[in-house]
PDB file of N, CA and C in Angstrom:
ATOM      1  N   MET A   1      19.756 -32.757 -26.383  1.00  0.00           N
ATOM      2  CA  MET A   1      19.690 -32.055 -25.114  1.00  0.00           C
ATOM      3  C   MET A   1      18.750 -30.857 -25.246  1.00  0.00           C
ATOM      4  N   GLN A   2      17.843 -30.728 -24.292  1.00  0.00           N
ATOM      5  CA  GLN A   2      16.892 -29.621 -24.333  1.00  0.00           C
ATOM      6  C   GLN A   2      17.474 -28.398 -23.642  1.00  0.00           C
ATOM      7  N   ASN A   3      17.161 -27.236 -24.199  1.00  0.00           N
ATOM      8  CA  ASN A   3      17.570 -25.988 -23.565  1.00  0.00           C
ATOM      9  C   ASN A   3      16.550 -25.637 -22.490  1.00  0.00           C
ATOM     10  N   LYS A   4      17.033 -25.426 -21.281  1.00  0.00           N
ATOM     11  CA  LYS A   4      16.137 -25.004 -20.202  1.00  0.00           C
ATOM     12  C   LYS A   4      15.987 -23.495 -20.272  1.00  0.00           C
ATOM     13  N   SER A   5      14.770 -23.041 -20.059  1.00  0.00           N
ATOM     14  CA  SER A   5      14.526 -21.609 -20.047  1.00  0.00           C
ATOM     15  C   SER A   5      15.120 -21.005 -18.782  1.00  0.00           C
ATOM     16  N   LYS A   6      15.740 -19.864 -18.930  1.00  0.00           N
ATOM     17  CA  LYS A   6      16.292 -19.167 -17.773  1.00  0.00           C
ATOM     18  C   LYS A   6      15.231 -18.290 -17.102  1.00  0.00           C
ATOM     19  N   ASP A   7      14.075 -18.185 -17.702  1.00  0.00           N
ATOM     20  CA  ASP A   7      12.981 -17.402 -17.144  1.00  0.00           C
ATOM     21  C   ASP A   7      12.359 -18.168 -15.973  1.00  0.00           C
ATOM     22  N   PRO A   8      12.404 -17.616 -14.751  1.00  0.00           N
ATOM     23  CA  PRO A   8      11.843 -18.326 -13.593  1.00  0.00           C
ATOM     24  C   PRO A   8      10.323 -18.479 -13.656  1.00  0.00           C
ATOM     25  N   LEU A   9       9.675 -17.729 -14.534  1.00  0.00           N
ATOM     26  CA  LEU A   9       8.225 -17.820 -14.669  1.00  0.00           C
ATOM     27  C   LEU A   9       7.801 -18.831 -15.734  1.00  0.00           C
ATOM     28  N   HIS A  10       8.776 -19.364 -16.461  1.00  0.00           N
ATOM     29  CA  HIS A  10       8.469 -20.311 -17.533  1.00  0.00           C
ATOM     30  C   HIS A  10       7.855 -21.588 -16.972  1.00  0.00           C
ATOM     31  N   GLY A  11       6.694 -21.944 -17.479  1.00  0.00           N
ATOM     32  CA  GLY A  11       6.067 -23.203 -17.110  1.00  0.00           C
ATOM     33  C   GLY A  11       5.300 -23.192 -15.795  1.00  0.00           C
ATOM     34  N   ILE A  12       5.154 -22.039 -15.174  1.00  0.00           N
ATOM     35  CA  ILE A  12       4.401 -21.965 -13.921  1.00  0.00           C
ATOM     36  C   ILE A  12       3.184 -21.067 -14.129  1.00  0.00           C
ATOM     37  N   THR A  13       2.047 -21.514 -13.625  1.00  0.00           N
ATOM     38  CA  THR A  13       0.821 -20.749 -13.822  1.00  0.00           C
ATOM     39  C   THR A  13       0.692 -19.669 -12.760  1.00  0.00           C
ATOM     40  N   LEU A  14      -0.138 -18.694 -13.048  1.00  0.00           N
ATOM     41  CA  LEU A  14      -0.424 -17.640 -12.087  1.00  0.00           C
ATOM     42  C   LEU A  14      -1.016 -18.241 -10.807  1.00  0.00           C
ATOM     43  N   GLN A  15      -1.840 -19.244 -10.959  1.00  0.00           N
ATOM     44  CA  GLN A  15      -2.434 -19.891  -9.786  1.00  0.00           C
ATOM     45  C   GLN A  15      -1.346 -20.519  -8.917  1.00  0.00           C
ATOM     46  N   ASN A  16      -0.388 -21.211  -9.537  1.00  0.00           N
ATOM     47  CA  ASN A  16       0.717 -21.798  -8.769  1.00  0.00           C
ATOM     48  C   ASN A  16       1.527 -20.727  -8.050  1.00  0.00           C
ATOM     49  N   ILE A  17       1.812 -19.646  -8.747  1.00  0.00           N
ATOM     50  CA  ILE A  17       2.567 -18.541  -8.149  1.00  0.00           C
ATOM     51  C   ILE A  17       1.828 -18.007  -6.927  1.00  0.00           C
ATOM     52  N   LEU A  18       0.546 -17.758  -7.092  1.00  0.00           N
ATOM     53  CA  LEU A  18      -0.248 -17.198  -6.004  1.00  0.00           C
ATOM     54  C   LEU A  18      -0.327 -18.161  -4.824  1.00  0.00           C
ATOM     55  N   GLU A  19      -0.528 -19.444  -5.090  1.00  0.00           N
ATOM     56  CA  GLU A  19      -0.601 -20.433  -4.012  1.00  0.00           C
ATOM     57  C   GLU A  19       0.719 -20.512  -3.250  1.00  0.00           C
ATOM     58  N   ILE A  20       1.832 -20.462  -3.959  1.00  0.00           N
ATOM     59  CA  ILE A  20       3.151 -20.497  -3.315  1.00  0.00           C
ATOM     60  C   ILE A  20       3.339 -19.267  -2.431  1.00  0.00           C
ATOM     61  N   LEU A  21       2.986 -18.089  -2.957  1.00  0.00           N
ATOM     62  CA  LEU A  21       3.147 -16.858  -2.181  1.00  0.00           C
ATOM     63  C   LEU A  21       2.236 -16.830  -0.962  1.00  0.00           C
ATOM     64  N   VAL A  22       1.001 -17.298  -1.115  1.00  0.00           N
ATOM     65  CA  VAL A  22       0.074 -17.325   0.022  1.00  0.00           C
ATOM     66  C   VAL A  22       0.566 -18.309   1.081  1.00  0.00           C
ATOM     67  N   ASN A  23       1.066 -19.457   0.661  1.00  0.00           N
ATOM     68  CA  ASN A  23       1.605 -20.425   1.621  1.00  0.00           C
ATOM     69  C   ASN A  23       2.836 -19.883   2.336  1.00  0.00           C
ATOM     70  N   PHE A  24       3.652 -19.119   1.634  1.00  0.00           N
ATOM     71  CA  PHE A  24       4.884 -18.599   2.215  1.00  0.00           C
ATOM     72  C   PHE A  24       4.629 -17.373   3.098  1.00  0.00           C
ATOM     73  N   TYR A  25       3.839 -16.418   2.595  1.00  0.00           N
ATOM     74  CA  TYR A  25       3.630 -15.148   3.293  1.00  0.00           C
ATOM     75  C   TYR A  25       2.291 -15.066   4.033  1.00  0.00           C
ATOM     76  N   GLY A  26       1.256 -15.679   3.466  1.00  0.00           N
ATOM     77  CA  GLY A  26      -0.099 -15.465   3.971  1.00  0.00           C
ATOM     78  C   GLY A  26      -0.676 -14.207   3.335  1.00  0.00           C
ATOM     79  N   PHE A  27      -1.999 -14.105   3.332  1.00  0.00           N
ATOM     80  CA  PHE A  27      -2.639 -12.952   2.697  1.00  0.00           C
ATOM     81  C   PHE A  27      -2.332 -11.648   3.429  1.00  0.00           C
ATOM     82  N   ASP A  28      -2.190 -11.686   4.760  1.00  0.00           N
ATOM     83  CA  ASP A  28      -1.912 -10.455   5.508  1.00  0.00           C
ATOM     84  C   ASP A  28      -0.599  -9.815   5.070  1.00  0.00           C
ATOM     85  N   THR A  29       0.441 -10.610   4.985  1.00  0.00           N
ATOM     86  CA  THR A  29       1.741 -10.081   4.574  1.00  0.00           C
ATOM     87  C   THR A  29       1.731  -9.708   3.098  1.00  0.00           C
ATOM     88  N   LEU A  30       1.049 -10.500   2.274  1.00  0.00           N
ATOM     89  CA  LEU A  30       0.932 -10.142   0.850  1.00  0.00           C
ATOM     90  C   LEU A  30       0.282  -8.778   0.686  1.00  0.00           C
ATOM     91  N   ALA A  31      -0.747  -8.517   1.494  1.00  0.00           N
ATOM     92  CA  ALA A  31      -1.442  -7.222   1.421  1.00  0.00           C
ATOM     93  C   ALA A  31      -0.518  -6.075   1.820  1.00  0.00           C
ATOM     94  N   GLU A  32       0.435  -6.348   2.704  1.00  0.00           N
ATOM     95  CA  GLU A  32       1.409  -5.313   3.076  1.00  0.00           C
ATOM     96  C   GLU A  32       2.441  -5.117   1.971  1.00  0.00           C
ATOM     97  N   LEU A  33       2.896  -6.216   1.378  1.00  0.00           N
ATOM     98  CA  LEU A  33       3.915  -6.143   0.334  1.00  0.00           C
ATOM     99  C   LEU A  33       3.360  -5.597  -0.976  1.00  0.00           C
ATOM    100  N   ILE A  34       2.135  -5.991  -1.299  1.00  0.00           N
ATOM    101  CA  ILE A  34       1.458  -5.528  -2.515  1.00  0.00           C
ATOM    102  C   ILE A  34       0.073  -5.034  -2.080  1.00  0.00           C
ATOM    103  N   PRO A  35      -0.047  -3.748  -1.824  1.00  0.00           N
ATOM    104  CA  PRO A  35      -1.305  -3.226  -1.269  1.00  0.00           C
ATOM    105  C   PRO A  35      -2.437  -3.145  -2.305  1.00  0.00           C
ATOM    106  N   ILE A  36      -3.062  -4.280  -2.542  1.00  0.00           N
ATOM    107  CA  ILE A  36      -4.230  -4.314  -3.412  1.00  0.00           C
ATOM    108  C   ILE A  36      -5.378  -4.968  -2.646  1.00  0.00           C
ATOM    109  N   LYS A  37      -6.572  -4.520  -2.944  1.00  0.00           N
ATOM    110  CA  LYS A  37      -7.752  -4.911  -2.181  1.00  0.00           C
ATOM    111  C   LYS A  37      -8.011  -6.418  -2.194  1.00  0.00           C
ATOM    112  N   CYS A  38      -7.678  -7.094  -3.287  1.00  0.00           N
ATOM    113  CA  CYS A  38      -7.962  -8.533  -3.361  1.00  0.00           C
ATOM    114  C   CYS A  38      -7.151  -9.331  -2.352  1.00  0.00           C
ATOM    115  N   PHE A  39      -6.090  -8.735  -1.786  1.00  0.00           N
ATOM    116  CA  PHE A  39      -5.312  -9.405  -0.744  1.00  0.00           C
ATOM    117  C   PHE A  39      -5.737  -8.983   0.662  1.00  0.00           C
ATOM    118  N   SER A  40      -6.395  -7.835   0.775  1.00  0.00           N
ATOM    119  CA  SER A  40      -6.703  -7.313   2.106  1.00  0.00           C
ATOM    120  C   SER A  40      -8.168  -7.420   2.505  1.00  0.00           C
ATOM    121  N   SER A  41      -9.069  -7.468   1.542  1.00  0.00           N
ATOM    122  CA  SER A  41     -10.490  -7.485   1.854  1.00  0.00           C
ATOM    123  C   SER A  41     -11.106  -8.826   1.461  1.00  0.00           C
ATOM    124  N   ASN A  42     -11.316  -9.697   2.452  1.00  0.00           N
ATOM    125  CA  ASN A  42     -11.913 -11.013   2.249  1.00  0.00           C
ATOM    126  C   ASN A  42     -11.199 -11.787   1.133  1.00  0.00           C
ATOM    127  N   PRO A  43      -9.885 -12.019   1.290  1.00  0.00           N
ATOM    128  CA  PRO A  43      -9.098 -12.611   0.201  1.00  0.00           C
ATOM    129  C   PRO A  43      -9.324 -14.109   0.026  1.00  0.00           C
ATOM    130  N   THR A  44      -9.355 -14.530  -1.223  1.00  0.00           N
ATOM    131  CA  THR A  44      -9.342 -15.945  -1.587  1.00  0.00           C
ATOM    132  C   THR A  44      -8.455 -16.087  -2.817  1.00  0.00           C
ATOM    133  N   ILE A  45      -7.999 -17.296  -3.056  1.00  0.00           N
ATOM    134  CA  ILE A  45      -7.197 -17.545  -4.255  1.00  0.00           C
ATOM    135  C   ILE A  45      -8.032 -17.224  -5.491  1.00  0.00           C
ATOM    136  N   LYS A  46      -9.271 -17.691  -5.507  1.00  0.00           N
ATOM    137  CA  LYS A  46     -10.132 -17.516  -6.679  1.00  0.00           C
ATOM    138  C   LYS A  46     -10.371 -16.039  -6.999  1.00  0.00           C
ATOM    139  N   SER A  47     -10.750 -15.257  -5.981  1.00  0.00           N
ATOM    140  CA  SER A  47     -11.031 -13.839  -6.238  1.00  0.00           C
ATOM    141  C   SER A  47      -9.758 -13.092  -6.630  1.00  0.00           C
ATOM    142  N   SER A  48      -8.636 -13.462  -6.020  1.00  0.00           N
ATOM    143  CA  SER A  48      -7.367 -12.821  -6.368  1.00  0.00           C
ATOM    144  C   SER A  48      -6.972 -13.135  -7.804  1.00  0.00           C
ATOM    145  N   LEU A  49      -7.152 -14.396  -8.216  1.00  0.00           N
ATOM    146  CA  LEU A  49      -6.833 -14.779  -9.600  1.00  0.00           C
ATOM    147  C   LEU A  49      -7.687 -13.996 -10.593  1.00  0.00           C
ATOM    148  N   THR A  50      -8.958 -13.842 -10.288  1.00  0.00           N
ATOM    149  CA  THR A  50      -9.856 -13.090 -11.173  1.00  0.00           C
ATOM    150  C   THR A  50      -9.333 -11.674 -11.370  1.00  0.00           C
ATOM    151  N   PHE A  51      -8.965 -11.013 -10.270  1.00  0.00           N
ATOM    152  CA  PHE A  51      -8.448  -9.647 -10.351  1.00  0.00           C
ATOM    153  C   PHE A  51      -7.112  -9.599 -11.087  1.00  0.00           C
ATOM    154  N   LEU A  52      -6.196 -10.493 -10.722  1.00  0.00           N
ATOM    155  CA  LEU A  52      -4.850 -10.458 -11.309  1.00  0.00           C
ATOM    156  C   LEU A  52      -4.859 -10.761 -12.800  1.00  0.00           C
ATOM    157  N   ARG A  53      -5.768 -11.599 -13.249  1.00  0.00           N
ATOM    158  CA  ARG A  53      -5.843 -11.916 -14.681  1.00  0.00           C
ATOM    159  C   ARG A  53      -6.340 -10.728 -15.495  1.00  0.00           C
ATOM    160  N   LYS A  54      -7.075  -9.820 -14.864  1.00  0.00           N
ATOM    161  CA  LYS A  54      -7.612  -8.648 -15.569  1.00  0.00           C
ATOM    162  C   LYS A  54      -6.716  -7.424 -15.426  1.00  0.00           C
ATOM    163  N   THR A  55      -5.781  -7.454 -14.481  1.00  0.00           N
ATOM    164  CA  THR A  55      -5.026  -6.254 -14.129  1.00  0.00           C
ATOM    165  C   THR A  55      -3.532  -6.514 -14.293  1.00  0.00           C
ATOM    166  N   ASP A  56      -3.000  -6.072 -15.425  1.00  0.00           N
ATOM    167  CA  ASP A  56      -1.609  -6.374 -15.776  1.00  0.00           C
ATOM    168  C   ASP A  56      -0.600  -5.849 -14.751  1.00  0.00           C
ATOM    169  N   TRP A  57      -0.797  -4.600 -14.268  1.00  0.00           N
ATOM    170  CA  TRP A  57       0.181  -4.029 -13.346  1.00  0.00           C
ATOM    171  C   TRP A  57       0.219  -4.822 -12.030  1.00  0.00           C
ATOM    172  N   ALA A  58      -0.917  -5.305 -11.569  1.00  0.00           N
ATOM    173  CA  ALA A  58      -0.965  -6.073 -10.319  1.00  0.00           C
ATOM    174  C   ALA A  58      -0.335  -7.450 -10.523  1.00  0.00           C
ATOM    175  N   ARG A  59      -0.616  -8.048 -11.655  1.00  0.00           N
ATOM    176  CA  ARG A  59      -0.014  -9.354 -11.970  1.00  0.00           C
ATOM    177  C   ARG A  59       1.507  -9.236 -12.015  1.00  0.00           C
ATOM    178  N   LYS A  60       2.000  -8.164 -12.617  1.00  0.00           N
ATOM    179  CA  LYS A  60       3.447  -7.927 -12.696  1.00  0.00           C
ATOM    180  C   LYS A  60       4.045  -7.825 -11.302  1.00  0.00           C
ATOM    181  N   LYS A  61       3.383  -7.145 -10.386  1.00  0.00           N
ATOM    182  CA  LYS A  61       3.890  -7.021  -9.015  1.00  0.00           C
ATOM    183  C   LYS A  61       3.952  -8.388  -8.328  1.00  0.00           C
ATOM    184  N   VAL A  62       2.931  -9.219  -8.555  1.00  0.00           N
ATOM    185  CA  VAL A  62       2.903 -10.560  -7.969  1.00  0.00           C
ATOM    186  C   VAL A  62       4.026 -11.411  -8.568  1.00  0.00           C
ATOM    187  N   GLU A  63       4.197 -11.346  -9.873  1.00  0.00           N
ATOM    188  CA  GLU A  63       5.265 -12.108 -10.521  1.00  0.00           C
ATOM    189  C   GLU A  63       6.643 -11.649 -10.039  1.00  0.00           C
ATOM    190  N   ASP A  64       6.825 -10.343  -9.891  1.00  0.00           N
ATOM    191  CA  ASP A  64       8.107  -9.818  -9.406  1.00  0.00           C
ATOM    192  C   ASP A  64       8.379 -10.291  -7.977  1.00  0.00           C
ATOM    193  N   LEU A  65       7.359 -10.273  -7.128  1.00  0.00           N
ATOM    194  CA  LEU A  65       7.522 -10.747  -5.757  1.00  0.00           C
ATOM    195  C   LEU A  65       7.880 -12.233  -5.753  1.00  0.00           C
ATOM    196  N   TYR A  66       7.258 -13.000  -6.609  1.00  0.00           N
ATOM    197  CA  TYR A  66       7.561 -14.434  -6.713  1.00  0.00           C
ATOM    198  C   TYR A  66       9.037 -14.643  -7.070  1.00  0.00           C
ATOM    199  N   VAL A  67       9.523 -13.904  -8.064  1.00  0.00           N
ATOM    200  CA  VAL A  67      10.919 -14.048  -8.490  1.00  0.00           C
ATOM    201  C   VAL A  67      11.858 -13.667  -7.342  1.00  0.00           C
ATOM    202  N   LYS A  68      11.522 -12.604  -6.590  1.00  0.00           N
ATOM    203  CA  LYS A  68      12.350 -12.194  -5.455  1.00  0.00           C
ATOM    204  C   LYS A  68      12.304 -13.216  -4.323  1.00  0.00           C
ATOM    205  N   THR A  69      11.194 -13.942  -4.215  1.00  0.00           N
ATOM    206  CA  THR A  69      10.994 -14.907  -3.134  1.00  0.00           C
ATOM    207  C   THR A  69      11.624 -16.253  -3.443  1.00  0.00           C
ATOM    208  N   LEU A  70      11.861 -16.568  -4.698  1.00  0.00           N
ATOM    209  CA  LEU A  70      12.397 -17.873  -5.090  1.00  0.00           C
ATOM    210  C   LEU A  70      13.618 -18.324  -4.275  1.00  0.00           C
ATOM    211  N   PRO A  71      14.615 -17.465  -4.062  1.00  0.00           N
ATOM    212  CA  PRO A  71      15.769 -17.933  -3.274  1.00  0.00           C
ATOM    213  C   PRO A  71      15.384 -18.345  -1.844  1.00  0.00           C
ATOM    214  N   LYS A  72      14.402 -17.687  -1.261  1.00  0.00           N
ATOM    215  CA  LYS A  72      13.948 -18.024   0.095  1.00  0.00           C
ATOM    216  C   LYS A  72      13.205 -19.364   0.110  1.00  0.00           C
ATOM    217  N   LEU A  73      12.566 -19.708  -0.988  1.00  0.00           N
ATOM    218  CA  LEU A  73      11.792 -20.934  -1.059  1.00  0.00           C
ATOM    219  C   LEU A  73      12.686 -22.177  -1.110  1.00  0.00           C
ATOM    220  N   SER A  74      13.865 -22.042  -1.656  1.00  0.00           N
ATOM    221  CA  SER A  74      14.747 -23.192  -1.815  1.00  0.00           C
ATOM    222  C   SER A  74      15.531 -23.524  -0.543  1.00  0.00           C
ATOM    223  N   ASN A  75      15.423 -22.670   0.471  1.00  0.00           N
ATOM    224  CA  ASN A  75      16.132 -22.924   1.741  1.00  0.00           C
ATOM    225  C   ASN A  75      15.381 -23.889   2.617  1.00  0.00           C
TER     226      ASN A  75
END
């Protein structure tokens, strides 16, 4: 029997997280929830990923929002 990780981020890529959040909230709401320029000024998945991969504090905010959003996604 395999042990399942209790970490909700285990096995999911940053790109998957971002795509799920954009589909759920849209870039406008994401920019309100996490006020960073890559969400508010001409946002794309690609440009946002580039920024988030270089900026640990912003990536952490996106990951935290994803974890908080998980219960809403399963409804």
